[in-house]
Protein backbone atom coordinates (compact mmCIF):
# COMPACT_ATOMS: atom_id res chain seq x y z
CA MET A 1 115.97 147.95 -233.69
CA SER A 2 113.78 151.00 -234.01
CA SER A 3 115.98 152.90 -231.55
CA ILE A 4 119.04 152.50 -233.81
CA LEU A 5 117.02 153.72 -236.79
CA SER A 6 115.89 156.72 -234.75
CA LEU A 7 119.51 157.47 -233.85
CA ILE A 8 120.59 157.27 -237.49
CA GLN A 9 117.71 159.51 -238.53
CA ASN A 10 118.62 162.00 -235.81
CA GLU A 11 122.28 162.13 -236.89
CA ASN A 12 121.32 162.59 -240.53
CA MET A 13 119.03 165.45 -239.59
CA LYS A 14 121.89 167.08 -237.67
CA ILE A 15 124.27 166.74 -240.62
CA TYR A 16 121.89 168.13 -243.24
CA ARG A 17 120.72 170.98 -241.02
CA ARG A 18 124.15 172.61 -241.21
CA ILE A 19 124.89 175.23 -243.85
CA GLY A 20 128.42 173.87 -244.30
CA THR A 21 127.07 170.53 -245.46
CA TRP A 22 124.96 172.16 -248.16
CA PHE A 23 127.89 174.37 -249.13
CA MET A 24 130.11 171.29 -249.62
CA ILE A 25 127.40 169.49 -251.59
CA GLY A 26 127.13 172.58 -253.79
CA LEU A 27 130.90 172.66 -254.28
CA LEU A 28 130.89 169.01 -255.33
CA ALA A 29 128.07 169.59 -257.80
CA LEU A 30 129.79 172.68 -259.22
CA SER A 31 133.13 170.91 -259.56
CA ALA A 32 131.50 167.98 -261.36
CA LEU A 33 129.62 170.33 -263.68
CA ALA A 34 132.71 172.47 -264.33
CA GLY A 35 134.77 169.38 -265.09
CA ALA A 36 132.16 168.14 -267.55
CA LEU A 37 131.93 171.52 -269.29
CA ILE A 38 135.70 171.90 -269.52
CA THR A 39 136.05 168.38 -270.91
CA LYS A 40 133.31 169.01 -273.45
CA ALA A 41 134.80 172.35 -274.53
CA THR A 42 138.43 171.25 -274.83
CA TYR A 43 138.08 167.76 -276.30
CA LYS A 44 139.20 167.27 -279.87
CA GLU A 45 138.64 164.00 -281.70
CA PRO A 46 142.00 162.55 -282.76
CA ALA A 47 142.46 162.34 -286.51
CA ASN A 48 144.07 158.91 -286.36
CA TRP A 49 143.42 157.05 -283.13
CA LYS A 50 145.57 154.09 -284.16
CA ALA A 51 148.64 156.29 -284.56
CA GLU A 52 148.03 157.76 -281.11
CA VAL A 53 147.70 154.31 -279.55
CA VAL A 54 150.92 153.21 -281.26
CA SER A 55 152.74 156.27 -279.91
CA GLU A 56 151.36 155.55 -276.42
CA ILE A 57 152.65 151.99 -276.69
CA LYS A 58 156.12 153.25 -277.63
CA GLU A 59 156.12 155.69 -274.72
CA MET A 60 155.06 152.96 -272.30
CA GLU A 61 157.72 150.59 -273.57
CA ALA A 62 160.33 153.32 -273.14
CA GLN A 63 159.18 153.94 -269.58
CA LEU A 64 159.19 150.21 -268.82
CA SER A 65 162.78 149.92 -270.02
CA GLU A 66 163.93 152.41 -267.38
CA GLU A 67 165.33 150.88 -264.21
CA LYS A 68 163.97 153.35 -261.66
CA VAL A 69 160.30 152.68 -262.37
CA PRO A 70 158.39 151.78 -259.17
CA LYS A 71 156.83 148.32 -259.17
CA MET A 72 153.22 149.54 -258.86
CA TYR A 73 153.66 151.98 -261.73
CA LYS A 74 155.37 149.29 -263.78
CA ASN A 75 152.39 146.97 -263.23
CA HIS A 76 150.04 149.77 -264.28
CA LEU A 77 152.06 150.44 -267.42
CA GLU A 78 152.11 146.75 -268.32
CA GLN A 79 148.34 146.55 -267.91
CA GLN A 80 147.77 149.65 -270.05
CA LEU A 81 150.20 148.29 -272.64
CA LYS A 82 148.19 145.07 -272.91
CA ILE A 83 144.96 147.04 -273.23
CA ASN A 84 146.38 149.21 -276.00
CA GLU A 85 147.77 146.21 -277.87
CA TYR A 86 144.37 144.53 -277.61
CA ARG A 87 142.71 147.66 -278.98
CA LEU A 88 144.99 147.65 -282.00
CA GLU A 89 144.57 143.93 -282.67
CA HIS A 90 140.77 144.10 -282.51
CA ASN A 91 140.30 147.59 -283.98
CA ILE A 92 138.64 149.03 -280.84
CA LYS A 93 138.79 152.79 -280.40
CA PRO A 94 139.68 154.10 -276.92
CA VAL A 95 136.87 155.63 -274.90
CA ALA A 96 136.56 159.31 -275.79
CA SER A 97 136.72 161.62 -272.79
CA ASN A 98 133.78 163.70 -274.03
CA THR A 99 131.38 160.78 -273.61
CA PHE A 100 129.57 160.04 -270.37
CA TRP A 101 131.63 156.93 -269.66
CA GLY A 102 134.87 158.69 -270.57
CA TYR A 103 134.05 161.52 -268.19
CA LEU A 104 133.35 159.05 -265.37
CA VAL A 105 136.65 157.29 -265.96
CA ASN A 106 138.62 160.53 -266.08
CA SER A 107 136.91 162.18 -263.12
CA ALA A 108 137.36 159.35 -260.65
CA ASP A 109 139.74 161.59 -258.70
CA ILE A 110 136.76 163.52 -257.37
CA ILE A 111 136.44 160.67 -254.85
CA ALA A 112 139.32 162.27 -252.93
CA LEU A 113 137.35 165.51 -252.69
CA ILE A 114 134.25 163.65 -251.50
CA THR A 115 136.32 161.85 -248.86
CA LEU A 116 137.83 165.12 -247.69
CA PHE A 117 134.41 166.75 -247.34
CA THR A 118 132.96 163.71 -245.58
CA SER A 119 135.86 163.67 -243.13
CA PHE A 120 135.41 167.36 -242.52
CA ILE A 121 131.72 166.88 -241.75
CA ILE A 122 132.38 163.95 -239.42
CA PHE A 123 135.33 165.36 -237.49
CA PHE A 124 134.51 169.05 -237.37
CA GLY A 125 130.74 168.91 -237.52
C-alpha cells in the first residue's frame, strides 16, 4: 500500500515540477478572475425582471413550436420554461450573474478548459 502512495507522490512531484503546469494553472486563475471582473463590470440589474422572464417564456415557446429543434435542446427548453413559469408563479427572481452563485452557474464552461489543460499535462507531459 505504501508503494502505491509513493508512486502517486512521485508522479505529482513530476507534474508540479514543470513550468508548463504552473503556466496553465496561472492561465486558469487569470481566466477565472477576468471572467469575474468582466461580469461584475458589465452586469446591469434589469428594471423589471418579470417582464424579462415573460419575454424569455415567449421566445422559448416560439422555439419549441419549430419543427427542426433537436430533441436534447427541446428538453432543455422545456425544463427552462417550467423553471421560468415557476419563478413567475412564486415571485422568485432569477439568479443575478453578478453574484457568486450566478458567476459559478455562468462560468461552468471553464470545465472544458480545465479538461484540455489536464489532457495536455497527461499526454504531452
